[in-house]
PDB file of N, CA and C in Angstrom:
ATOM      1  N   MET A   1     110.032 203.772 173.611  1.00  0.00           N
ATOM      2  CA  MET A   1     108.962 202.941 174.112  1.00  0.00           C
ATOM      3  C   MET A   1     107.922 202.784 172.991  1.00  0.00           C
ATOM      4  N   SER A   2     107.589 201.569 172.694  1.00  0.00           N
ATOM      5  CA  SER A   2     106.655 201.323 171.601  1.00  0.00           C
ATOM      6  C   SER A   2     105.214 201.505 172.078  1.00  0.00           C
ATOM      7  N   MET A   3     104.345 201.612 171.116  1.00  0.00           N
ATOM      8  CA  MET A   3     102.930 201.818 171.420  1.00  0.00           C
ATOM      9  C   MET A   3     102.306 200.589 172.071  1.00  0.00           C
ATOM     10  N   GLU A   4     102.857 199.415 171.828  1.00  0.00           N
ATOM     11  CA  GLU A   4     102.327 198.202 172.456  1.00  0.00           C
ATOM     12  C   GLU A   4     102.537 198.229 173.965  1.00  0.00           C
ATOM     13  N   ILE A   5     103.680 198.726 174.394  1.00  0.00           N
ATOM     14  CA  ILE A   5     103.959 198.819 175.829  1.00  0.00           C
ATOM     15  C   ILE A   5     103.028 199.844 176.476  1.00  0.00           C
ATOM     16  N   VAL A   6     102.857 200.982 175.820  1.00  0.00           N
ATOM     17  CA  VAL A   6     101.947 202.009 176.333  1.00  0.00           C
ATOM     18  C   VAL A   6     100.523 201.457 176.408  1.00  0.00           C
ATOM     19  N   ASP A   7     100.135 200.718 175.381  1.00  0.00           N
ATOM     20  CA  ASP A   7      98.798 200.128 175.371  1.00  0.00           C
ATOM     21  C   ASP A   7      98.629 199.122 176.500  1.00  0.00           C
ATOM     22  N   ARG A   8      99.624 198.318 176.761  1.00  0.00           N
ATOM     23  CA  ARG A   8      99.554 197.338 177.855  1.00  0.00           C
ATOM     24  C   ARG A   8      99.468 198.032 179.214  1.00  0.00           C
ATOM     25  N   ILE A   9     100.255 199.078 179.393  1.00  0.00           N
ATOM     26  CA  ILE A   9     100.242 199.810 180.667  1.00  0.00           C
ATOM     27  C   ILE A   9      98.875 200.457 180.892  1.00  0.00           C
ATOM     28  N   LEU A  10      98.362 201.119 179.858  1.00  0.00           N
ATOM     29  CA  LEU A  10      97.059 201.767 179.994  1.00  0.00           C
ATOM     30  C   LEU A  10      95.936 200.749 180.182  1.00  0.00           C
ATOM     31  N   SER A  11      96.016 199.624 179.509  1.00  0.00           N
ATOM     32  CA  SER A  11      95.007 198.573 179.694  1.00  0.00           C
ATOM     33  C   SER A  11      95.037 198.034 181.114  1.00  0.00           C
ATOM     34  N   PHE A  12      96.230 197.873 181.673  1.00  0.00           N
ATOM     35  CA  PHE A  12      96.346 197.404 183.052  1.00  0.00           C
ATOM     36  C   PHE A  12      95.721 198.404 184.021  1.00  0.00           C
ATOM     37  N   ILE A  13      95.994 199.690 183.822  1.00  0.00           N
ATOM     38  CA  ILE A  13      95.448 200.728 184.700  1.00  0.00           C
ATOM     39  C   ILE A  13      93.926 200.791 184.576  1.00  0.00           C
ATOM     40  N   VAL A  14      93.423 200.721 183.353  1.00  0.00           N
ATOM     41  CA  VAL A  14      91.975 200.764 183.141  1.00  0.00           C
ATOM     42  C   VAL A  14      91.302 199.561 183.787  1.00  0.00           C
ATOM     43  N   ASP A  15      91.873 198.370 183.608  1.00  0.00           N
ATOM     44  CA  ASP A  15      91.299 197.174 184.229  1.00  0.00           C
ATOM     45  C   ASP A  15      91.346 197.250 185.747  1.00  0.00           C
ATOM     46  N   LEU A  16      92.390 197.850 186.280  1.00  0.00           N
ATOM     47  CA  LEU A  16      92.530 197.966 187.726  1.00  0.00           C
ATOM     48  C   LEU A  16      91.513 198.948 188.308  1.00  0.00           C
ATOM     49  N   VAL A  17      91.367 200.098 187.677  1.00  0.00           N
ATOM     50  CA  VAL A  17      90.501 201.151 188.216  1.00  0.00           C
ATOM     51  C   VAL A  17      89.028 200.862 187.950  1.00  0.00           C
ATOM     52  N   TRP A  18      88.681 200.450 186.737  1.00  0.00           N
ATOM     53  CA  TRP A  18      87.281 200.292 186.359  1.00  0.00           C
ATOM     54  C   TRP A  18      86.750 198.892 186.618  1.00  0.00           C
ATOM     55  N   GLY A  19      87.320 198.207 187.548  1.00  0.00           N
ATOM     56  CA  GLY A  19      86.819 196.904 187.958  1.00  0.00           C
ATOM     57  C   GLY A  19      86.053 197.032 189.251  1.00  0.00           C
ATOM     58  N   TRP A  20      86.395 196.171 190.208  1.00  0.00           N
ATOM     59  CA  TRP A  20      85.723 196.179 191.504  1.00  0.00           C
ATOM     60  C   TRP A  20      85.957 197.447 192.316  1.00  0.00           C
ATOM     61  N   PRO A  21      87.103 198.109 192.203  1.00  0.00           N
ATOM     62  CA  PRO A  21      87.274 199.329 193.014  1.00  0.00           C
ATOM     63  C   PRO A  21      86.218 200.399 192.742  1.00  0.00           C
ATOM     64  N   ILE A  22      85.856 200.601 191.482  1.00  0.00           N
ATOM     65  CA  ILE A  22      84.870 201.643 191.189  1.00  0.00           C
ATOM     66  C   ILE A  22      83.475 201.216 191.644  1.00  0.00           C
ATOM     67  N   VAL A  23      83.173 199.915 191.561  1.00  0.00           N
ATOM     68  CA  VAL A  23      81.879 199.423 192.044  1.00  0.00           C
ATOM     69  C   VAL A  23      81.781 199.621 193.552  1.00  0.00           C
ATOM     70  N   ILE A  24      82.828 199.248 194.260  1.00  0.00           N
ATOM     71  CA  ILE A  24      82.841 199.410 195.716  1.00  0.00           C
ATOM     72  C   ILE A  24      82.764 200.883 196.096  1.00  0.00           C
ATOM     73  N   LEU A  25      83.484 201.727 195.369  1.00  0.00           N
ATOM     74  CA  LEU A  25      83.467 203.159 195.658  1.00  0.00           C
ATOM     75  C   LEU A  25      82.081 203.760 195.443  1.00  0.00           C
ATOM     76  N   LEU A  26      81.433 203.436 194.332  1.00  0.00           N
ATOM     77  CA  LEU A  26      80.122 204.017 194.051  1.00  0.00           C
ATOM     78  C   LEU A  26      79.037 203.476 194.976  1.00  0.00           C
ATOM     79  N   VAL A  27      78.996 202.159 195.162  1.00  0.00           N
ATOM     80  CA  VAL A  27      77.967 201.587 196.034  1.00  0.00           C
ATOM     81  C   VAL A  27      78.223 201.973 197.487  1.00  0.00           C
ATOM     82  N   GLY A  28      79.477 201.924 197.905  1.00  0.00           N
ATOM     83  CA  GLY A  28      79.806 202.320 199.274  1.00  0.00           C
ATOM     84  C   GLY A  28      79.540 203.789 199.524  1.00  0.00           C
ATOM     85  N   GLY A  29      79.909 204.628 198.560  1.00  0.00           N
ATOM     86  CA  GLY A  29      79.632 206.055 198.701  1.00  0.00           C
ATOM     87  C   GLY A  29      78.148 206.349 198.714  1.00  0.00           C
ATOM     88  N   GLY A  30      77.392 205.666 197.857  1.00  0.00           N
ATOM     89  CA  GLY A  30      75.941 205.847 197.853  1.00  0.00           C
ATOM     90  C   GLY A  30      75.298 205.384 199.146  1.00  0.00           C
ATOM     91  N   ALA A  31      75.755 204.247 199.674  1.00  0.00           N
ATOM     92  CA  ALA A  31      75.210 203.748 200.948  1.00  0.00           C
ATOM     93  C   ALA A  31      75.551 204.698 202.088  1.00  0.00           C
ATOM     94  N   PHE A  32      76.789 205.198 202.099  1.00  0.00           N
ATOM     95  CA  PHE A  32      77.195 206.145 203.141  1.00  0.00           C
ATOM     96  C   PHE A  32      76.362 207.416 203.078  1.00  0.00           C
ATOM     97  N   LEU A  33      76.195 207.965 201.879  1.00  0.00           N
ATOM     98  CA  LEU A  33      75.434 209.204 201.748  1.00  0.00           C
ATOM     99  C   LEU A  33      73.944 208.992 202.010  1.00  0.00           C
ATOM    100  N   THR A  34      73.422 207.805 201.692  1.00  0.00           N
ATOM    101  CA  THR A  34      72.032 207.505 202.035  1.00  0.00           C
ATOM    102  C   THR A  34      71.850 207.508 203.540  1.00  0.00           C
ATOM    103  N   PHE A  35      72.753 206.868 204.237  1.00  0.00           N
ATOM    104  CA  PHE A  35      72.683 206.832 205.696  1.00  0.00           C
ATOM    105  C   PHE A  35      72.907 208.221 206.286  1.00  0.00           C
ATOM    106  N   PHE A  36      73.890 208.956 205.739  1.00  0.00           N
ATOM    107  CA  PHE A  36      74.235 210.282 206.244  1.00  0.00           C
ATOM    108  C   PHE A  36      73.091 211.278 206.038  1.00  0.00           C
ATOM    109  N   SER A  37      72.345 211.137 204.936  1.00  0.00           N
ATOM    110  CA  SER A  37      71.216 212.037 204.674  1.00  0.00           C
ATOM    111  C   SER A  37      69.931 211.565 205.344  1.00  0.00           C
ATOM    112  N   ARG A  38      70.044 210.560 206.202  1.00  0.00           N
ATOM    113  CA  ARG A  38      68.907 209.986 206.928  1.00  0.00           C
ATOM    114  C   ARG A  38      67.831 209.479 205.971  1.00  0.00           C
ATOM    115  N   PHE A  39      68.263 208.820 204.900  1.00  0.00           N
ATOM    116  CA  PHE A  39      67.383 208.181 203.920  1.00  0.00           C
ATOM    117  C   PHE A  39      66.427 209.174 203.266  1.00  0.00           C
ATOM    118  N   LEU A  40      66.925 210.379 202.991  1.00  0.00           N
ATOM    119  CA  LEU A  40      66.102 211.435 202.402  1.00  0.00           C
ATOM    120  C   LEU A  40      65.505 211.069 201.046  1.00  0.00           C
ATOM    121  N   PRO A  41      66.227 210.392 200.142  1.00  0.00           N
ATOM    122  CA  PRO A  41      65.584 210.049 198.865  1.00  0.00           C
ATOM    123  C   PRO A  41      64.346 209.169 199.025  1.00  0.00           C
ATOM    124  N   PHE A  42      64.291 208.382 200.072  1.00  0.00           N
ATOM    125  CA  PHE A  42      63.125 207.528 200.294  1.00  0.00           C
ATOM    126  C   PHE A  42      62.046 208.258 201.087  1.00  0.00           C
ATOM    127  N   LEU A  43      62.449 208.995 202.101  1.00  0.00           N
ATOM    128  CA  LEU A  43      61.483 209.666 202.965  1.00  0.00           C
ATOM    129  C   LEU A  43      60.872 210.902 202.309  1.00  0.00           C
ATOM    130  N   GLY A  44      61.582 211.523 201.381  1.00  0.00           N
ATOM    131  CA  GLY A  44      61.067 212.716 200.718  1.00  0.00           C
ATOM    132  C   GLY A  44      60.261 212.424 199.472  1.00  0.00           C
ATOM    133  N   PHE A  45      59.989 211.149 199.207  1.00  0.00           N
ATOM    134  CA  PHE A  45      59.273 210.788 197.986  1.00  0.00           C
ATOM    135  C   PHE A  45      57.845 211.322 197.980  1.00  0.00           C
ATOM    136  N   SER A  46      57.172 211.303 199.117  1.00  0.00           N
ATOM    137  CA  SER A  46      55.795 211.811 199.166  1.00  0.00           C
ATOM    138  C   SER A  46      55.760 213.315 198.901  1.00  0.00           C
ATOM    139  N   HIS A  47      56.754 214.038 199.394  1.00  0.00           N
ATOM    140  CA  HIS A  47      56.825 215.476 199.122  1.00  0.00           C
ATOM    141  C   HIS A  47      57.042 215.722 197.629  1.00  0.00           C
ATOM    142  N   ALA A  48      57.867 214.898 197.004  1.00  0.00           N
ATOM    143  CA  ALA A  48      58.099 215.043 195.568  1.00  0.00           C
ATOM    144  C   ALA A  48      56.812 214.824 194.780  1.00  0.00           C
ATOM    145  N   LEU A  49      56.014 213.853 195.188  1.00  0.00           N
ATOM    146  CA  LEU A  49      54.734 213.618 194.509  1.00  0.00           C
ATOM    147  C   LEU A  49      53.774 214.784 194.713  1.00  0.00           C
ATOM    148  N   GLU A  50      53.795 215.401 195.889  1.00  0.00           N
ATOM    149  CA  GLU A  50      52.948 216.572 196.136  1.00  0.00           C
ATOM    150  C   GLU A  50      53.359 217.738 195.246  1.00  0.00           C
ATOM    151  N   VAL A  51      54.643 217.918 195.045  1.00  0.00           N
ATOM    152  CA  VAL A  51      55.126 218.990 194.174  1.00  0.00           C
ATOM    153  C   VAL A  51      54.706 218.725 192.735  1.00  0.00           C
ATOM    154  N   ILE A  52      54.818 217.476 192.293  1.00  0.00           N
ATOM    155  CA  ILE A  52      54.439 217.137 190.924  1.00  0.00           C
ATOM    156  C   ILE A  52      52.940 217.331 190.711  1.00  0.00           C
ATOM    157  N   ARG A  53      52.132 216.954 191.691  1.00  0.00           N
ATOM    158  CA  ARG A  53      50.679 217.110 191.575  1.00  0.00           C
ATOM    159  C   ARG A  53      50.262 218.575 191.546  1.00  0.00           C
ATOM    160  N   GLY A  54      51.117 219.469 191.992  1.00  0.00           N
ATOM    161  CA  GLY A  54      50.787 220.887 191.976  1.00  0.00           C
ATOM    162  C   GLY A  54      50.186 221.391 193.259  1.00  0.00           C
ATOM    163  N   ASP A  55      50.403 220.696 194.359  1.00  0.00           N
ATOM    164  CA  ASP A  55      49.847 221.130 195.642  1.00  0.00           C
ATOM    165  C   ASP A  55      50.447 222.453 196.112  1.00  0.00           C
ATOM    166  N   TYR A  56      51.606 222.821 195.588  1.00  0.00           N
ATOM    167  CA  TYR A  56      52.272 224.053 196.012  1.00  0.00           C
ATOM    168  C   TYR A  56      52.159 225.162 194.962  1.00  0.00           C
ATOM    169  N   ASP A  57      51.436 224.909 193.879  1.00  0.00           N
ATOM    170  CA  ASP A  57      51.266 225.919 192.839  1.00  0.00           C
ATOM    171  C   ASP A  57      50.262 226.976 193.279  1.00  0.00           C
ATOM    172  N   ASN A  58      50.547 228.210 192.916  1.00  0.00           N
ATOM    173  CA  ASN A  58      49.623 229.313 193.167  1.00  0.00           C
ATOM    174  C   ASN A  58      49.123 229.797 191.809  1.00  0.00           C
ATOM    175  N   PRO A  59      47.846 229.602 191.494  1.00  0.00           N
ATOM    176  CA  PRO A  59      47.345 229.993 190.168  1.00  0.00           C
ATOM    177  C   PRO A  59      47.344 231.501 189.941  1.00  0.00           C
ATOM    178  N   ASN A  60      47.515 232.299 190.987  1.00  0.00           N
ATOM    179  CA  ASN A  60      47.501 233.757 190.841  1.00  0.00           C
ATOM    180  C   ASN A  60      48.868 234.335 190.513  1.00  0.00           C
ATOM    181  N   ASP A  61      49.891 233.500 190.427  1.00  0.00           N
ATOM    182  CA  ASP A  61      51.227 233.982 190.084  1.00  0.00           C
ATOM    183  C   ASP A  61      51.389 233.997 188.568  1.00  0.00           C
ATOM    184  N   PRO A  62      51.367 235.192 187.955  1.00  0.00           N
ATOM    185  CA  PRO A  62      51.487 235.253 186.491  1.00  0.00           C
ATOM    186  C   PRO A  62      52.944 235.079 186.051  1.00  0.00           C
ATOM    187  N   GLY A  63      53.103 234.496 184.894  1.00  0.00           N
ATOM    188  CA  GLY A  63      54.423 234.397 184.294  1.00  0.00           C
ATOM    189  C   GLY A  63      55.295 233.274 184.805  1.00  0.00           C
ATOM    190  N   GLU A  64      54.820 232.491 185.735  1.00  0.00           N
ATOM    191  CA  GLU A  64      55.629 231.393 186.246  1.00  0.00           C
ATOM    192  C   GLU A  64      55.187 230.093 185.601  1.00  0.00           C
ATOM    193  N   ILE A  65      56.112 229.167 185.509  1.00  0.00           N
ATOM    194  CA  ILE A  65      55.742 227.849 185.017  1.00  0.00           C
ATOM    195  C   ILE A  65      55.420 226.965 186.214  1.00  0.00           C
ATOM    196  N   SER A  66      54.677 225.918 185.961  1.00  0.00           N
ATOM    197  CA  SER A  66      54.276 225.034 187.054  1.00  0.00           C
ATOM    198  C   SER A  66      55.468 224.190 187.503  1.00  0.00           C
ATOM    199  N   HIS A  67      55.312 223.591 188.670  1.00  0.00           N
ATOM    200  CA  HIS A  67      56.366 222.719 189.170  1.00  0.00           C
ATOM    201  C   HIS A  67      56.567 221.526 188.244  1.00  0.00           C
ATOM    202  N   PHE A  68      55.478 221.022 187.694  1.00  0.00           N
ATOM    203  CA  PHE A  68      55.572 219.875 186.799  1.00  0.00           C
ATOM    204  C   PHE A  68      56.358 220.221 185.543  1.00  0.00           C
ATOM    205  N   ARG A  69      56.110 221.393 184.969  1.00  0.00           N
ATOM    206  CA  ARG A  69      56.861 221.803 183.774  1.00  0.00           C
ATOM    207  C   ARG A  69      58.334 222.021 184.091  1.00  0.00           C
ATOM    208  N   ALA A  70      58.617 222.587 185.243  1.00  0.00           N
ATOM    209  CA  ALA A  70      60.017 222.762 185.642  1.00  0.00           C
ATOM    210  C   ALA A  70      60.697 221.412 185.831  1.00  0.00           C
ATOM    211  N   LEU A  71      59.974 220.455 186.424  1.00  0.00           N
ATOM    212  CA  LEU A  71      60.529 219.116 186.618  1.00  0.00           C
ATOM    213  C   LEU A  71      60.808 218.435 185.289  1.00  0.00           C
ATOM    214  N   THR A  72      59.846 218.492 184.370  1.00  0.00           N
ATOM    215  CA  THR A  72      60.058 217.822 183.092  1.00  0.00           C
ATOM    216  C   THR A  72      61.169 218.481 182.283  1.00  0.00           C
ATOM    217  N   THR A  73      61.325 219.787 182.399  1.00  0.00           N
ATOM    218  CA  THR A  73      62.431 220.458 181.724  1.00  0.00           C
ATOM    219  C   THR A  73      63.769 220.027 182.305  1.00  0.00           C
ATOM    220  N   ALA A  74      63.850 219.968 183.628  1.00  0.00           N
ATOM    221  CA  ALA A  74      65.099 219.534 184.268  1.00  0.00           C
ATOM    222  C   ALA A  74      65.399 218.074 183.953  1.00  0.00           C
ATOM    223  N   LEU A  75      64.374 217.236 183.938  1.00  0.00           N
ATOM    224  CA  LEU A  75      64.594 215.823 183.618  1.00  0.00           C
ATOM    225  C   LEU A  75      65.022 215.630 182.176  1.00  0.00           C
ATOM    226  N   SER A  76      64.469 216.423 181.265  1.00  0.00           N
ATOM    227  CA  SER A  76      64.869 216.277 179.868  1.00  0.00           C
ATOM    228  C   SER A  76      66.332 216.643 179.676  1.00  0.00           C
ATOM    229  N   ALA A  77      66.813 217.608 180.442  1.00  0.00           N
ATOM    230  CA  ALA A  77      68.230 217.962 180.354  1.00  0.00           C
ATOM    231  C   ALA A  77      69.103 216.925 181.043  1.00  0.00           C
ATOM    232  N   THR A  78      68.587 216.295 182.096  1.00  0.00           N
ATOM    233  CA  THR A  78      69.373 215.321 182.849  1.00  0.00           C
ATOM    234  C   THR A  78      69.378 213.956 182.180  1.00  0.00           C
ATOM    235  N   VAL A  79      68.216 213.477 181.803  1.00  0.00           N
ATOM    236  CA  VAL A  79      68.101 212.117 181.272  1.00  0.00           C
ATOM    237  C   VAL A  79      68.631 212.052 179.853  1.00  0.00           C
ATOM    238  N   GLY A  80      68.066 212.819 178.972  1.00  0.00           N
ATOM    239  CA  GLY A  80      68.535 212.837 177.604  1.00  0.00           C
ATOM    240  C   GLY A  80      68.174 211.573 176.835  1.00  0.00           C
ATOM    241  N   MET A  81      68.486 211.596 175.565  1.00  0.00           N
ATOM    242  CA  MET A  81      68.145 210.490 174.680  1.00  0.00           C
ATOM    243  C   MET A  81      69.040 209.280 174.908  1.00  0.00           C
ATOM    244  N   GLY A  82      70.281 209.505 175.322  1.00  0.00           N
ATOM    245  CA  GLY A  82      71.208 208.393 175.522  1.00  0.00           C
ATOM    246  C   GLY A  82      70.771 207.449 176.617  1.00  0.00           C
ATOM    247  N   ASN A  83      70.192 207.976 177.687  1.00  0.00           N
ATOM    248  CA  ASN A  83      69.733 207.106 178.768  1.00  0.00           C
ATOM    249  C   ASN A  83      68.521 206.290 178.355  1.00  0.00           C
ATOM    250  N   ILE A  84      67.662 206.852 177.551  1.00  0.00           N
ATOM    251  CA  ILE A  84      66.491 206.108 177.092  1.00  0.00           C
ATOM    252  C   ILE A  84      66.928 204.969 176.180  1.00  0.00           C
ATOM    253  N   ALA A  85      67.815 205.261 175.248  1.00  0.00           N
ATOM    254  CA  ALA A  85      68.321 204.209 174.364  1.00  0.00           C
ATOM    255  C   ALA A  85      69.170 203.213 175.144  1.00  0.00           C
ATOM    256  N   GLY A  86      69.888 203.686 176.154  1.00  0.00           N
ATOM    257  CA  GLY A  86      70.718 202.794 176.963  1.00  0.00           C
ATOM    258  C   GLY A  86      69.906 201.770 177.723  1.00  0.00           C
ATOM    259  N   VAL A  87      68.733 202.160 178.208  1.00  0.00           N
ATOM    260  CA  VAL A  87      67.855 201.218 178.908  1.00  0.00           C
ATOM    261  C   VAL A  87      67.375 200.144 177.945  1.00  0.00           C
ATOM    262  N   ALA A  88      66.985 200.537 176.752  1.00  0.00           N
ATOM    263  CA  ALA A  88      66.523 199.553 175.767  1.00  0.00           C
ATOM    264  C   ALA A  88      67.635 198.573 175.405  1.00  0.00           C
ATOM    265  N   ILE A  89      68.835 199.075 175.234  1.00  0.00           N
ATOM    266  CA  ILE A  89      69.962 198.198 174.903  1.00  0.00           C
ATOM    267  C   ILE A  89      70.301 197.290 176.075  1.00  0.00           C
ATOM    268  N   ALA A  90      70.247 197.814 177.294  1.00  0.00           N
ATOM    269  CA  ALA A  90      70.556 196.991 178.471  1.00  0.00           C
ATOM    270  C   ALA A  90      69.557 195.853 178.624  1.00  0.00           C
ATOM    271  N   ILE A  91      68.289 196.126 178.407  1.00  0.00           N
ATOM    272  CA  ILE A  91      67.280 195.069 178.510  1.00  0.00           C
ATOM    273  C   ILE A  91      67.460 194.055 177.384  1.00  0.00           C
ATOM    274  N   THR A  92      67.777 194.534 176.191  1.00  0.00           N
ATOM    275  CA  THR A  92      67.983 193.626 175.070  1.00  0.00           C
ATOM    276  C   THR A  92      69.187 192.726 175.297  1.00  0.00           C
ATOM    277  N   GLN A  93      70.278 193.298 175.769  1.00  0.00           N
ATOM    278  CA  GLN A  93      71.506 192.528 175.945  1.00  0.00           C
ATOM    279  C   GLN A  93      71.537 191.733 177.244  1.00  0.00           C
ATOM    280  N   GLY A  94      71.020 192.304 178.320  1.00  0.00           N
ATOM    281  CA  GLY A  94      71.144 191.673 179.630  1.00  0.00           C
ATOM    282  C   GLY A  94      69.902 190.975 180.131  1.00  0.00           C
ATOM    283  N   GLY A  95      68.789 191.179 179.466  1.00  0.00           N
ATOM    284  CA  GLY A  95      67.555 190.548 179.906  1.00  0.00           C
ATOM    285  C   GLY A  95      66.852 191.373 180.971  1.00  0.00           C
ATOM    286  N   PRO A  96      65.773 190.841 181.519  1.00  0.00           N
ATOM    287  CA  PRO A  96      64.986 191.583 182.501  1.00  0.00           C
ATOM    288  C   PRO A  96      65.738 191.878 183.793  1.00  0.00           C
ATOM    289  N   GLY A  97      66.758 191.092 184.117  1.00  0.00           N
ATOM    290  CA  GLY A  97      67.531 191.337 185.335  1.00  0.00           C
ATOM    291  C   GLY A  97      68.284 192.651 185.302  1.00  0.00           C
ATOM    292  N   ALA A  98      68.471 193.194 184.108  1.00  0.00           N
ATOM    293  CA  ALA A  98      69.159 194.476 183.990  1.00  0.00           C
ATOM    294  C   ALA A  98      68.360 195.597 184.637  1.00  0.00           C
ATOM    295  N   ILE A  99      67.046 195.441 184.692  1.00  0.00           N
ATOM    296  CA  ILE A  99      66.200 196.475 185.307  1.00  0.00           C
ATOM    297  C   ILE A  99      66.512 196.610 186.792  1.00  0.00           C
ATOM    298  N   PHE A 100      66.709 195.485 187.469  1.00  0.00           N
ATOM    299  CA  PHE A 100      67.050 195.535 188.896  1.00  0.00           C
ATOM    300  C   PHE A 100      68.330 196.326 189.116  1.00  0.00           C
ATOM    301  N   TRP A 101      69.351 196.051 188.326  1.00  0.00           N
ATOM    302  CA  TRP A 101      70.631 196.742 188.504  1.00  0.00           C
ATOM    303  C   TRP A 101      70.522 198.209 188.123  1.00  0.00           C
ATOM    304  N   MET A 102      69.662 198.522 187.164  1.00  0.00           N
ATOM    305  CA  MET A 102      69.451 199.932 186.835  1.00  0.00           C
ATOM    306  C   MET A 102      68.759 200.655 187.981  1.00  0.00           C
ATOM    307  N   TRP A 103      67.801 200.010 188.633  1.00  0.00           N
ATOM    308  CA  TRP A 103      67.146 200.625 189.796  1.00  0.00           C
ATOM    309  C   TRP A 103      68.135 200.818 190.932  1.00  0.00           C
ATOM    310  N   LEU A 104      68.975 199.821 191.156  1.00  0.00           N
ATOM    311  CA  LEU A 104      69.971 199.925 192.227  1.00  0.00           C
ATOM    312  C   LEU A 104      70.931 201.082 191.964  1.00  0.00           C
ATOM    313  N   THR A 105      71.432 201.172 190.746  1.00  0.00           N
ATOM    314  CA  THR A 105      72.342 202.274 190.437  1.00  0.00           C
ATOM    315  C   THR A 105      71.615 203.613 190.412  1.00  0.00           C
ATOM    316  N   ALA A 106      70.323 203.619 190.093  1.00  0.00           N
ATOM    317  CA  ALA A 106      69.563 204.873 190.122  1.00  0.00           C
ATOM    318  C   ALA A 106      69.432 205.395 191.544  1.00  0.00           C
ATOM    319  N   ILE A 107      69.216 204.495 192.499  1.00  0.00           N
ATOM    320  CA  ILE A 107      69.121 204.922 193.902  1.00  0.00           C
ATOM    321  C   ILE A 107      70.445 205.509 194.360  1.00  0.00           C
ATOM    322  N   VAL A 108      71.536 204.825 194.021  1.00  0.00           N
ATOM    323  CA  VAL A 108      72.863 205.341 194.379  1.00  0.00           C
ATOM    324  C   VAL A 108      73.101 206.677 193.685  1.00  0.00           C
ATOM    325  N   GLY A 109      72.712 206.769 192.421  1.00  0.00           N
ATOM    326  CA  GLY A 109      72.894 208.016 191.683  1.00  0.00           C
ATOM    327  C   GLY A 109      72.084 209.166 192.246  1.00  0.00           C
ATOM    328  N   MET A 110      70.853 208.880 192.711  1.00  0.00           N
ATOM    329  CA  MET A 110      70.033 209.937 193.313  1.00  0.00           C
ATOM    330  C   MET A 110      70.691 210.488 194.566  1.00  0.00           C
ATOM    331  N   VAL A 111      71.224 209.598 195.371  1.00  0.00           N
ATOM    332  CA  VAL A 111      71.867 210.043 196.611  1.00  0.00           C
ATOM    333  C   VAL A 111      73.117 210.849 196.291  1.00  0.00           C
ATOM    334  N   LEU A 112      73.903 210.389 195.330  1.00  0.00           N
ATOM    335  CA  LEU A 112      75.116 211.124 194.971  1.00  0.00           C
ATOM    336  C   LEU A 112      74.776 212.489 194.388  1.00  0.00           C
ATOM    337  N   ARG A 113      73.729 212.556 193.591  1.00  0.00           N
ATOM    338  CA  ARG A 113      73.326 213.843 193.021  1.00  0.00           C
ATOM    339  C   ARG A 113      72.779 214.775 194.101  1.00  0.00           C
ATOM    340  N   LEU A 114      72.031 214.234 195.036  1.00  0.00           N
ATOM    341  CA  LEU A 114      71.534 215.032 196.155  1.00  0.00           C
ATOM    342  C   LEU A 114      72.697 215.591 196.962  1.00  0.00           C
ATOM    343  N   ALA A 115      73.690 214.764 197.223  1.00  0.00           N
ATOM    344  CA  ALA A 115      74.858 215.230 197.975  1.00  0.00           C
ATOM    345  C   ALA A 115      75.621 216.290 197.194  1.00  0.00           C
ATOM    346  N   LEU A 116      75.634 216.172 195.884  1.00  0.00           N
ATOM    347  CA  LEU A 116      76.321 217.157 195.053  1.00  0.00           C
ATOM    348  C   LEU A 116      75.650 218.520 195.159  1.00  0.00           C
ATOM    349  N   PHE A 117      74.326 218.562 195.118  1.00  0.00           N
ATOM    350  CA  PHE A 117      73.618 219.836 195.138  1.00  0.00           C
ATOM    351  C   PHE A 117      73.476 220.424 196.532  1.00  0.00           C
ATOM    352  N   ARG A 118      73.405 219.574 197.525  1.00  0.00           N
ATOM    353  CA  ARG A 118      73.256 220.089 198.886  1.00  0.00           C
ATOM    354  C   ARG A 118      74.586 220.485 199.496  1.00  0.00           C
ATOM    355  N   GLY A 119      75.658 220.002 198.909  1.00  0.00           N
ATOM    356  CA  GLY A 119      76.994 220.345 199.394  1.00  0.00           C
ATOM    357  C   GLY A 119      77.304 219.615 200.608  1.00  0.00           C
TER     358      GLY A 119
END
C-alpha cells in the first residue's frame, strides 16, 4: 500500500470527524450540560465576582494567598500564551465577528470544564 493511499484514507477520516460532527457534538454537549447544570455558569457569575473582590477573604489567616491570586495563578496555567496570541490571530484573520464565536465557544467550554471537575 503506497503512502498516497494512506494519505487519502486519513484525509477522508479527518474531514469526516473534524467537520460538522465535532461541531454538533461540542455545541450539543455544551447545551446539554448547561441545561443539566441548571445554567450554573450564568447563575453563579455573581458569586464568582464576590470571590474575586475578596468578600470571602479572612485577613487574619496567615500564610494563605488571596482568592484573586489563586484565580490569576489558575488562569495563567489554563489560558497560557497560545490563547492570547490565538485571539489576536483570529481577529486579524476573521474580523470582529470572530469575537462572537469565541464567546460562544467559551461558554460551551466553561460548561464542559465545569462538568469535568464536578464529575
